[in-house]
Structure formats: C-alpha cells, structure tokens
Amino acid sequence: MGLFSKLFGSRDKPATLTFDLTEEEKLEVNKVFDLLKGYAVHPSVADKLQQGLTARGLANYAADQIMYAEFRNANRDECINKAIASIGKAYSIYQLPIYLYDLACYFELKSMAADARKMYELFLVRQEEYKSDQLDHIFLGERNIDEARGQASQKLRGR
C-alpha cells in the first residue's frame, strides 16, 4: 500500500489513522497554544479551535523540518520524512486543503512524483469545494491560496 493510500484510504475504504505526536511536534503545538494563554474562548468554537491550532502547530513543525532539510544535507531525508508525517497528521486533524499542497511539495522533495501529482490534483479539487470560515483565516495565517493553486496547476501541466 502506497503512502497516498495510507493517508487517504482507497475508493472502497476510508482511511482510519491513529497516531501519536512526537515530543518535537508536541513542543511546536504547545507554542501555538501559548499564543492564546489568558484569552477566553467561546464554548461553541472550542473544539474547532483546538483542532485547528493543533494542525497549525504540526504544519509549522513540518515547515521547520523542510527548512532544516535545506541546511542539513546529512539529515535531509530524515527531516523531509518528519515533515511528511507531520503535515499528514495536520490534515487528518483539520482538513485545510493547503496541507495537501504542502504534502505534494514535500513528496516532490523526496522525488515521489506520482504521489506529488496525486496530492496536487487532490488539493485543487478540495480547495475548489472548500468553504472557509472566520477561524480558518486564523489557521491559514499568511498562506496565499491563489498562489498555491497556480503553482499546483503549473506542476500538473508539467511546467
């Protein structure tokens, strides 16, 4: 079974993932939650906020690992593997389509062209269907969705 199937299941059977966060991932997630210390959260959004912030922390960790991969050639594959695992966890917790785009980019860094292509395609489909709300804008931060869509389309056209 390929990594794509493990993360997203097959047509016949949805994926059911269970996982633990690594200590490094927990530290990054805690940093995100620390930004909200002292703030009150309305109970109607508490669960969604918790899931979104956890996913955002995992996405931050994944991005840091990619940055480290660029500077630490000796540990490059290990860092990219950590990024792939972390962004997969982020998407399973909170389904922001941009995490699929990130996963596609990370697959490219590992020369996993077929998996990257599938992720770019899935990103474009899910992004088209996606309806964001106010909290999603917090989780997205400074991400440029239009730019990601354009880059994914270019990659699929082979440019």
N, C-alpha and C. Protein backbone atom coordinates (compact mmCIF):
# COMPACT_ATOMS: atom_id res chain seq x y z
N MET A 1 0.85 -1.18 0.00
CA MET A 1 0.00 0.00 0.00
C MET A 1 0.89 1.24 0.00
N GLY A 2 0.64 2.17 -0.92
CA GLY A 2 1.43 3.39 -1.01
C GLY A 2 1.09 4.38 0.07
N LEU A 3 1.94 5.38 0.22
CA LEU A 3 1.73 6.40 1.23
C LEU A 3 0.42 7.15 0.99
N PHE A 4 0.10 7.42 -0.26
CA PHE A 4 -1.15 8.10 -0.60
C PHE A 4 -2.33 7.31 -0.05
N SER A 5 -2.35 6.01 -0.29
CA SER A 5 -3.45 5.17 0.17
C SER A 5 -3.51 5.10 1.69
N LYS A 6 -2.34 5.07 2.33
CA LYS A 6 -2.32 5.04 3.78
C LYS A 6 -2.94 6.31 4.37
N LEU A 7 -2.63 7.45 3.74
CA LEU A 7 -3.13 8.72 4.26
C LEU A 7 -4.60 8.95 3.95
N PHE A 8 -5.04 8.52 2.77
CA PHE A 8 -6.37 8.91 2.32
C PHE A 8 -7.28 7.74 1.99
N GLY A 9 -6.84 6.51 2.24
CA GLY A 9 -7.68 5.35 2.01
C GLY A 9 -7.84 5.06 0.53
N SER A 10 -8.62 4.06 0.25
CA SER A 10 -8.92 3.73 -1.14
C SER A 10 -10.33 4.19 -1.45
N ARG A 11 -10.76 3.97 -2.67
CA ARG A 11 -12.14 4.34 -3.02
C ARG A 11 -13.15 3.55 -2.21
N ASP A 12 -12.80 2.32 -1.88
CA ASP A 12 -13.74 1.46 -1.19
C ASP A 12 -13.73 1.64 0.32
N LYS A 13 -12.60 2.09 0.84
CA LYS A 13 -12.44 2.12 2.29
C LYS A 13 -11.76 3.41 2.72
N PRO A 14 -12.41 4.21 3.57
CA PRO A 14 -11.75 5.43 4.03
C PRO A 14 -10.59 5.12 4.97
N ALA A 15 -9.66 6.03 5.02
CA ALA A 15 -8.51 5.87 5.91
C ALA A 15 -8.95 6.03 7.35
N THR A 16 -8.38 5.24 8.21
CA THR A 16 -8.61 5.40 9.64
C THR A 16 -7.24 5.42 10.29
N LEU A 17 -6.80 6.60 10.63
CA LEU A 17 -5.46 6.76 11.18
C LEU A 17 -5.53 6.92 12.69
N THR A 18 -4.60 6.30 13.33
CA THR A 18 -4.35 6.59 14.73
C THR A 18 -2.86 6.86 14.82
N PHE A 19 -2.52 7.88 15.56
CA PHE A 19 -1.12 8.25 15.66
C PHE A 19 -0.90 9.02 16.95
N ASP A 20 0.34 9.11 17.31
CA ASP A 20 0.75 9.93 18.44
C ASP A 20 1.62 11.05 17.91
N LEU A 21 1.62 12.15 18.61
CA LEU A 21 2.53 13.22 18.26
C LEU A 21 3.89 12.94 18.89
N THR A 22 4.94 13.26 18.15
CA THR A 22 6.28 13.12 18.71
C THR A 22 6.48 14.24 19.74
N GLU A 23 7.51 14.10 20.55
CA GLU A 23 7.80 15.15 21.53
C GLU A 23 8.09 16.47 20.83
N GLU A 24 8.81 16.42 19.71
CA GLU A 24 9.11 17.65 18.95
C GLU A 24 7.83 18.29 18.43
N GLU A 25 6.91 17.47 17.93
CA GLU A 25 5.64 18.01 17.43
C GLU A 25 4.83 18.62 18.57
N LYS A 26 4.81 17.95 19.71
CA LYS A 26 4.08 18.48 20.87
C LYS A 26 4.61 19.85 21.28
N LEU A 27 5.93 20.01 21.25
CA LEU A 27 6.51 21.30 21.61
C LEU A 27 6.03 22.40 20.67
N GLU A 28 5.99 22.11 19.38
CA GLU A 28 5.55 23.12 18.41
C GLU A 28 4.06 23.43 18.56
N VAL A 29 3.27 22.40 18.80
CA VAL A 29 1.83 22.61 19.02
C VAL A 29 1.62 23.46 20.27
N ASN A 30 2.37 23.17 21.32
CA ASN A 30 2.25 23.95 22.56
C ASN A 30 2.60 25.42 22.34
N LYS A 31 3.57 25.70 21.47
CA LYS A 31 3.92 27.09 21.16
C LYS A 31 2.72 27.84 20.57
N VAL A 32 1.99 27.16 19.72
CA VAL A 32 0.80 27.79 19.10
C VAL A 32 -0.25 28.06 20.17
N PHE A 33 -0.48 27.09 21.04
CA PHE A 33 -1.48 27.28 22.10
C PHE A 33 -1.04 28.36 23.10
N ASP A 34 0.27 28.49 23.32
CA ASP A 34 0.77 29.51 24.25
C ASP A 34 0.41 30.92 23.79
N LEU A 35 0.22 31.10 22.50
CA LEU A 35 -0.15 32.42 21.98
C LEU A 35 -1.53 32.85 22.47
N LEU A 36 -2.36 31.90 22.88
CA LEU A 36 -3.72 32.22 23.33
C LEU A 36 -3.88 32.19 24.85
N LYS A 37 -2.79 32.01 25.57
CA LYS A 37 -2.90 32.00 27.03
C LYS A 37 -3.52 33.30 27.52
N GLY A 38 -4.46 33.16 28.43
CA GLY A 38 -5.10 34.33 29.00
C GLY A 38 -6.33 34.79 28.24
N TYR A 39 -6.61 34.19 27.10
CA TYR A 39 -7.80 34.56 26.32
C TYR A 39 -8.93 33.59 26.61
N ALA A 40 -10.14 34.11 26.63
CA ALA A 40 -11.32 33.28 26.79
C ALA A 40 -11.80 32.83 25.41
N VAL A 41 -12.27 31.62 25.34
CA VAL A 41 -12.76 31.06 24.08
C VAL A 41 -14.21 30.63 24.29
N HIS A 42 -15.06 31.02 23.37
CA HIS A 42 -16.46 30.64 23.45
C HIS A 42 -16.58 29.13 23.27
N PRO A 43 -17.38 28.47 24.12
CA PRO A 43 -17.51 27.01 24.03
C PRO A 43 -17.96 26.50 22.66
N SER A 44 -18.67 27.32 21.91
CA SER A 44 -19.16 26.87 20.60
C SER A 44 -18.05 26.68 19.58
N VAL A 45 -16.88 27.28 19.82
CA VAL A 45 -15.77 27.14 18.87
C VAL A 45 -14.55 26.45 19.48
N ALA A 46 -14.67 26.04 20.73
CA ALA A 46 -13.51 25.49 21.44
C ALA A 46 -12.92 24.25 20.75
N ASP A 47 -13.77 23.31 20.37
CA ASP A 47 -13.25 22.08 19.74
C ASP A 47 -12.60 22.38 18.40
N LYS A 48 -13.26 23.20 17.60
CA LYS A 48 -12.70 23.54 16.29
C LYS A 48 -11.39 24.31 16.45
N LEU A 49 -11.35 25.21 17.39
CA LEU A 49 -10.13 25.98 17.65
C LEU A 49 -9.00 25.05 18.09
N GLN A 50 -9.30 24.11 18.95
CA GLN A 50 -8.28 23.17 19.40
C GLN A 50 -7.74 22.34 18.24
N GLN A 51 -8.62 21.83 17.40
CA GLN A 51 -8.18 21.03 16.26
C GLN A 51 -7.37 21.88 15.27
N GLY A 52 -7.87 23.06 14.97
CA GLY A 52 -7.19 23.93 14.02
C GLY A 52 -5.83 24.38 14.50
N LEU A 53 -5.73 24.71 15.77
CA LEU A 53 -4.44 25.14 16.32
C LEU A 53 -3.45 23.98 16.40
N THR A 54 -3.95 22.80 16.72
CA THR A 54 -3.07 21.63 16.73
C THR A 54 -2.53 21.39 15.33
N ALA A 55 -3.41 21.42 14.34
CA ALA A 55 -2.97 21.22 12.95
C ALA A 55 -2.00 22.31 12.53
N ARG A 56 -2.26 23.55 12.94
CA ARG A 56 -1.36 24.65 12.58
C ARG A 56 0.03 24.43 13.20
N GLY A 57 0.06 23.97 14.44
CA GLY A 57 1.35 23.67 15.07
C GLY A 57 2.10 22.58 14.33
N LEU A 58 1.39 21.56 13.90
CA LEU A 58 2.01 20.48 13.13
C LEU A 58 2.50 20.98 11.78
N ALA A 59 1.73 21.85 11.15
CA ALA A 59 2.16 22.43 9.86
C ALA A 59 3.40 23.30 10.05
N ASN A 60 3.45 24.04 11.15
CA ASN A 60 4.64 24.84 11.45
C ASN A 60 5.86 23.94 11.64
N TYR A 61 5.66 22.85 12.36
CA TYR A 61 6.75 21.89 12.58
C TYR A 61 7.23 21.33 11.25
N ALA A 62 6.29 20.96 10.38
CA ALA A 62 6.65 20.42 9.06
C ALA A 62 7.46 21.44 8.26
N ALA A 63 7.02 22.68 8.27
CA ALA A 63 7.74 23.72 7.53
C ALA A 63 9.15 23.92 8.09
N ASP A 64 9.28 23.85 9.41
CA ASP A 64 10.60 23.96 10.03
C ASP A 64 11.50 22.80 9.59
N GLN A 65 10.94 21.61 9.51
CA GLN A 65 11.73 20.45 9.09
C GLN A 65 12.22 20.62 7.65
N ILE A 66 11.40 21.20 6.80
CA ILE A 66 11.81 21.43 5.41
C ILE A 66 12.94 22.47 5.38
N MET A 67 12.83 23.48 6.21
CA MET A 67 13.89 24.48 6.29
C MET A 67 15.19 23.82 6.76
N TYR A 68 15.10 22.96 7.77
CA TYR A 68 16.28 22.25 8.26
C TYR A 68 16.85 21.34 7.18
N ALA A 69 16.00 20.73 6.39
CA ALA A 69 16.45 19.83 5.32
C ALA A 69 17.32 20.57 4.32
N GLU A 70 17.02 21.84 4.09
CA GLU A 70 17.80 22.64 3.15
C GLU A 70 19.19 22.97 3.70
N PHE A 71 19.30 23.03 5.03
CA PHE A 71 20.57 23.41 5.64
C PHE A 71 21.39 22.22 6.12
N ARG A 72 20.75 21.11 6.38
CA ARG A 72 21.43 19.92 6.92
C ARG A 72 21.38 18.80 5.89
N ASN A 73 22.28 18.82 4.96
CA ASN A 73 22.27 17.81 3.92
C ASN A 73 22.38 16.39 4.46
N ALA A 74 23.10 16.20 5.55
CA ALA A 74 23.28 14.87 6.11
C ALA A 74 21.96 14.29 6.63
N ASN A 75 21.09 15.13 7.13
CA ASN A 75 19.81 14.69 7.70
C ASN A 75 18.63 15.04 6.80
N ARG A 76 18.89 15.36 5.56
CA ARG A 76 17.85 15.86 4.65
C ARG A 76 16.65 14.91 4.58
N ASP A 77 16.89 13.64 4.28
CA ASP A 77 15.77 12.70 4.15
C ASP A 77 15.00 12.54 5.45
N GLU A 78 15.71 12.50 6.55
CA GLU A 78 15.04 12.38 7.85
C GLU A 78 14.13 13.58 8.11
N CYS A 79 14.62 14.77 7.81
CA CYS A 79 13.82 15.98 8.01
C CYS A 79 12.59 15.98 7.11
N ILE A 80 12.76 15.59 5.86
CA ILE A 80 11.62 15.56 4.93
C ILE A 80 10.61 14.51 5.37
N ASN A 81 11.09 13.37 5.83
CA ASN A 81 10.18 12.33 6.33
C ASN A 81 9.37 12.83 7.51
N LYS A 82 10.02 13.57 8.41
CA LYS A 82 9.32 14.14 9.56
C LYS A 82 8.27 15.15 9.09
N ALA A 83 8.61 15.94 8.09
CA ALA A 83 7.66 16.93 7.55
C ALA A 83 6.45 16.24 6.94
N ILE A 84 6.69 15.19 6.17
CA ILE A 84 5.59 14.45 5.54
C ILE A 84 4.67 13.87 6.62
N ALA A 85 5.25 13.25 7.63
CA ALA A 85 4.44 12.67 8.70
C ALA A 85 3.64 13.75 9.43
N SER A 86 4.27 14.86 9.70
CA SER A 86 3.62 15.92 10.47
C SER A 86 2.49 16.59 9.68
N ILE A 87 2.72 16.86 8.41
CA ILE A 87 1.66 17.52 7.62
C ILE A 87 0.51 16.55 7.37
N GLY A 88 0.82 15.26 7.27
CA GLY A 88 -0.25 14.26 7.16
C GLY A 88 -1.12 14.23 8.40
N LYS A 89 -0.49 14.35 9.56
CA LYS A 89 -1.22 14.42 10.82
C LYS A 89 -2.06 15.69 10.88
N ALA A 90 -1.47 16.79 10.44
CA ALA A 90 -2.20 18.07 10.45
C ALA A 90 -3.47 17.96 9.64
N TYR A 91 -3.35 17.39 8.44
CA TYR A 91 -4.54 17.28 7.57
C TYR A 91 -5.57 16.32 8.16
N SER A 92 -5.12 15.29 8.81
CA SER A 92 -6.09 14.35 9.39
C SER A 92 -6.84 14.97 10.56
N ILE A 93 -6.22 15.93 11.23
CA ILE A 93 -6.87 16.61 12.36
C ILE A 93 -7.78 17.74 11.89
N TYR A 94 -7.33 18.48 10.89
CA TYR A 94 -8.09 19.64 10.42
C TYR A 94 -7.86 19.77 8.91
N GLN A 95 -8.88 19.54 8.14
CA GLN A 95 -8.74 19.38 6.70
C GLN A 95 -8.68 20.69 5.91
N LEU A 96 -7.62 21.46 6.14
CA LEU A 96 -7.37 22.62 5.28
C LEU A 96 -6.70 22.10 4.01
N PRO A 97 -7.25 22.39 2.85
CA PRO A 97 -6.67 21.90 1.61
C PRO A 97 -5.21 22.29 1.40
N ILE A 98 -4.79 23.41 1.95
CA ILE A 98 -3.41 23.85 1.76
C ILE A 98 -2.42 22.83 2.31
N TYR A 99 -2.85 22.03 3.28
CA TYR A 99 -1.96 20.99 3.79
C TYR A 99 -1.69 19.92 2.73
N LEU A 100 -2.64 19.69 1.84
CA LEU A 100 -2.43 18.76 0.73
C LEU A 100 -1.40 19.32 -0.24
N TYR A 101 -1.46 20.61 -0.46
CA TYR A 101 -0.46 21.27 -1.30
C TYR A 101 0.93 21.11 -0.68
N ASP A 102 1.02 21.35 0.61
CA ASP A 102 2.31 21.18 1.31
C ASP A 102 2.81 19.75 1.16
N LEU A 103 1.92 18.80 1.34
CA LEU A 103 2.31 17.40 1.21
C LEU A 103 2.83 17.10 -0.19
N ALA A 104 2.18 17.65 -1.20
CA ALA A 104 2.65 17.47 -2.58
C ALA A 104 4.06 18.01 -2.75
N CYS A 105 4.30 19.18 -2.20
CA CYS A 105 5.64 19.79 -2.29
C CYS A 105 6.69 18.92 -1.59
N TYR A 106 6.33 18.37 -0.44
CA TYR A 106 7.26 17.53 0.30
C TYR A 106 7.53 16.24 -0.46
N PHE A 107 6.49 15.69 -1.09
CA PHE A 107 6.69 14.49 -1.92
C PHE A 107 7.66 14.79 -3.06
N GLU A 108 7.55 15.96 -3.64
CA GLU A 108 8.48 16.34 -4.71
C GLU A 108 9.92 16.35 -4.21
N LEU A 109 10.13 16.85 -3.02
CA LEU A 109 11.48 16.88 -2.46
C LEU A 109 12.05 15.48 -2.27
N LYS A 110 11.18 14.50 -2.13
CA LYS A 110 11.61 13.10 -1.98
C LYS A 110 11.61 12.38 -3.33
N SER A 111 11.41 13.11 -4.40
CA SER A 111 11.36 12.52 -5.75
C SER A 111 10.25 11.49 -5.88
N MET A 112 9.13 11.77 -5.23
CA MET A 112 7.95 10.91 -5.29
C MET A 112 6.93 11.57 -6.21
N ALA A 113 7.27 11.61 -7.50
CA ALA A 113 6.49 12.38 -8.47
C ALA A 113 5.04 11.93 -8.57
N ALA A 114 4.78 10.64 -8.58
CA ALA A 114 3.40 10.16 -8.73
C ALA A 114 2.55 10.56 -7.53
N ASP A 115 3.11 10.42 -6.32
CA ASP A 115 2.37 10.83 -5.12
C ASP A 115 2.18 12.34 -5.09
N ALA A 116 3.19 13.08 -5.51
CA ALA A 116 3.07 14.54 -5.55
C ALA A 116 1.96 14.95 -6.51
N ARG A 117 1.92 14.33 -7.67
CA ARG A 117 0.88 14.64 -8.66
C ARG A 117 -0.52 14.38 -8.08
N LYS A 118 -0.69 13.25 -7.42
CA LYS A 118 -1.99 12.93 -6.81
C LYS A 118 -2.38 13.99 -5.78
N MET A 119 -1.40 14.43 -4.99
CA MET A 119 -1.69 15.43 -3.96
C MET A 119 -2.04 16.78 -4.58
N TYR A 120 -1.33 17.18 -5.63
CA TYR A 120 -1.67 18.43 -6.31
C TYR A 120 -3.09 18.35 -6.86
N GLU A 121 -3.43 17.23 -7.47
CA GLU A 121 -4.79 17.06 -8.01
C GLU A 121 -5.82 17.12 -6.89
N LEU A 122 -5.56 16.40 -5.81
CA LEU A 122 -6.49 16.38 -4.68
C LEU A 122 -6.60 17.77 -4.05
N PHE A 123 -5.48 18.46 -3.93
CA PHE A 123 -5.51 19.83 -3.40
C PHE A 123 -6.44 20.71 -4.22
N LEU A 124 -6.30 20.67 -5.53
CA LEU A 124 -7.12 21.53 -6.39
C LEU A 124 -8.60 21.20 -6.27
N VAL A 125 -8.92 19.92 -6.19
CA VAL A 125 -10.32 19.51 -6.04
C VAL A 125 -10.86 19.96 -4.69
N ARG A 126 -10.13 19.65 -3.63
CA ARG A 126 -10.61 20.00 -2.27
C ARG A 126 -10.66 21.52 -2.06
N GLN A 127 -9.71 22.24 -2.64
CA GLN A 127 -9.71 23.69 -2.50
C GLN A 127 -10.92 24.29 -3.21
N GLU A 128 -11.27 23.73 -4.35
CA GLU A 128 -12.44 24.22 -5.09
C GLU A 128 -13.73 24.01 -4.30
N GLU A 129 -13.80 22.92 -3.58
CA GLU A 129 -15.00 22.58 -2.79
C GLU A 129 -15.03 23.30 -1.44
N TYR A 130 -13.89 23.78 -1.00
CA TYR A 130 -13.73 24.26 0.37
C TYR A 130 -14.41 25.61 0.60
N LYS A 131 -15.09 25.70 1.71
CA LYS A 131 -15.71 26.95 2.16
C LYS A 131 -15.11 27.30 3.51
N SER A 132 -14.30 28.34 3.55
CA SER A 132 -13.64 28.71 4.80
C SER A 132 -14.56 29.53 5.69
N ASP A 133 -14.22 29.58 6.95
CA ASP A 133 -14.94 30.43 7.89
C ASP A 133 -13.92 31.33 8.60
N GLN A 134 -14.39 32.10 9.56
CA GLN A 134 -13.50 33.06 10.22
C GLN A 134 -12.32 32.40 10.91
N LEU A 135 -12.54 31.27 11.56
CA LEU A 135 -11.44 30.60 12.24
C LEU A 135 -10.39 30.10 11.26
N ASP A 136 -10.83 29.66 10.10
CA ASP A 136 -9.88 29.15 9.11
C ASP A 136 -8.87 30.22 8.72
N HIS A 137 -9.27 31.46 8.70
CA HIS A 137 -8.34 32.54 8.35
C HIS A 137 -7.21 32.64 9.39
N ILE A 138 -7.53 32.32 10.63
CA ILE A 138 -6.51 32.30 11.68
C ILE A 138 -5.53 31.17 11.40
N PHE A 139 -6.06 30.00 11.06
CA PHE A 139 -5.21 28.83 10.85
C PHE A 139 -4.38 28.95 9.58
N LEU A 140 -4.90 29.64 8.60
CA LEU A 140 -4.17 29.82 7.35
C LEU A 140 -3.05 30.83 7.46
N GLY A 141 -3.18 31.75 8.38
CA GLY A 141 -2.15 32.76 8.55
C GLY A 141 -1.91 33.53 7.27
N GLU A 142 -0.68 33.62 6.86
CA GLU A 142 -0.29 34.38 5.68
C GLU A 142 -0.25 33.55 4.40
N ARG A 143 -0.81 32.36 4.42
CA ARG A 143 -0.76 31.49 3.24
C ARG A 143 -1.51 32.12 2.08
N ASN A 144 -0.93 32.03 0.89
CA ASN A 144 -1.55 32.57 -0.32
C ASN A 144 -2.15 31.41 -1.12
N ILE A 145 -3.43 31.22 -0.98
CA ILE A 145 -4.12 30.09 -1.61
C ILE A 145 -4.11 30.23 -3.13
N ASP A 146 -4.31 31.43 -3.62
CA ASP A 146 -4.32 31.62 -5.09
C ASP A 146 -2.96 31.27 -5.69
N GLU A 147 -1.90 31.64 -5.02
CA GLU A 147 -0.57 31.30 -5.50
C GLU A 147 -0.35 29.78 -5.49
N ALA A 148 -0.78 29.14 -4.43
CA ALA A 148 -0.65 27.68 -4.33
C ALA A 148 -1.45 27.00 -5.44
N ARG A 149 -2.65 27.49 -5.70
CA ARG A 149 -3.46 26.92 -6.80
C ARG A 149 -2.75 27.06 -8.13
N GLY A 150 -2.19 28.23 -8.37
CA GLY A 150 -1.47 28.47 -9.62
C GLY A 150 -0.26 27.57 -9.75
N GLN A 151 0.49 27.41 -8.68
CA GLN A 151 1.67 26.56 -8.72
C GLN A 151 1.29 25.09 -8.91
N ALA A 152 0.25 24.66 -8.24
CA ALA A 152 -0.20 23.27 -8.40
C ALA A 152 -0.65 23.02 -9.83
N SER A 153 -1.37 23.95 -10.40
CA SER A 153 -1.82 23.80 -11.79
C SER A 153 -0.62 23.73 -12.73
N GLN A 154 0.37 24.57 -12.51
CA GLN A 154 1.58 24.54 -13.32
C GLN A 154 2.30 23.20 -13.22
N LYS A 155 2.40 22.69 -12.01
CA LYS A 155 3.07 21.41 -11.80
C LYS A 155 2.34 20.29 -12.57
N LEU A 156 1.02 20.34 -12.55
CA LEU A 156 0.25 19.32 -13.25
C LEU A 156 0.35 19.43 -14.76
N ARG A 157 0.60 20.65 -15.23
CA ARG A 157 0.80 20.85 -16.67
C ARG A 157 2.24 20.53 -17.08
N GLY A 158 3.09 20.26 -16.10
CA GLY A 158 4.46 19.87 -16.39
C GLY A 158 5.42 21.04 -16.58
N ARG A 159 5.10 22.16 -16.00
CA ARG A 159 5.98 23.33 -16.12
C ARG A 159 6.68 23.61 -14.83
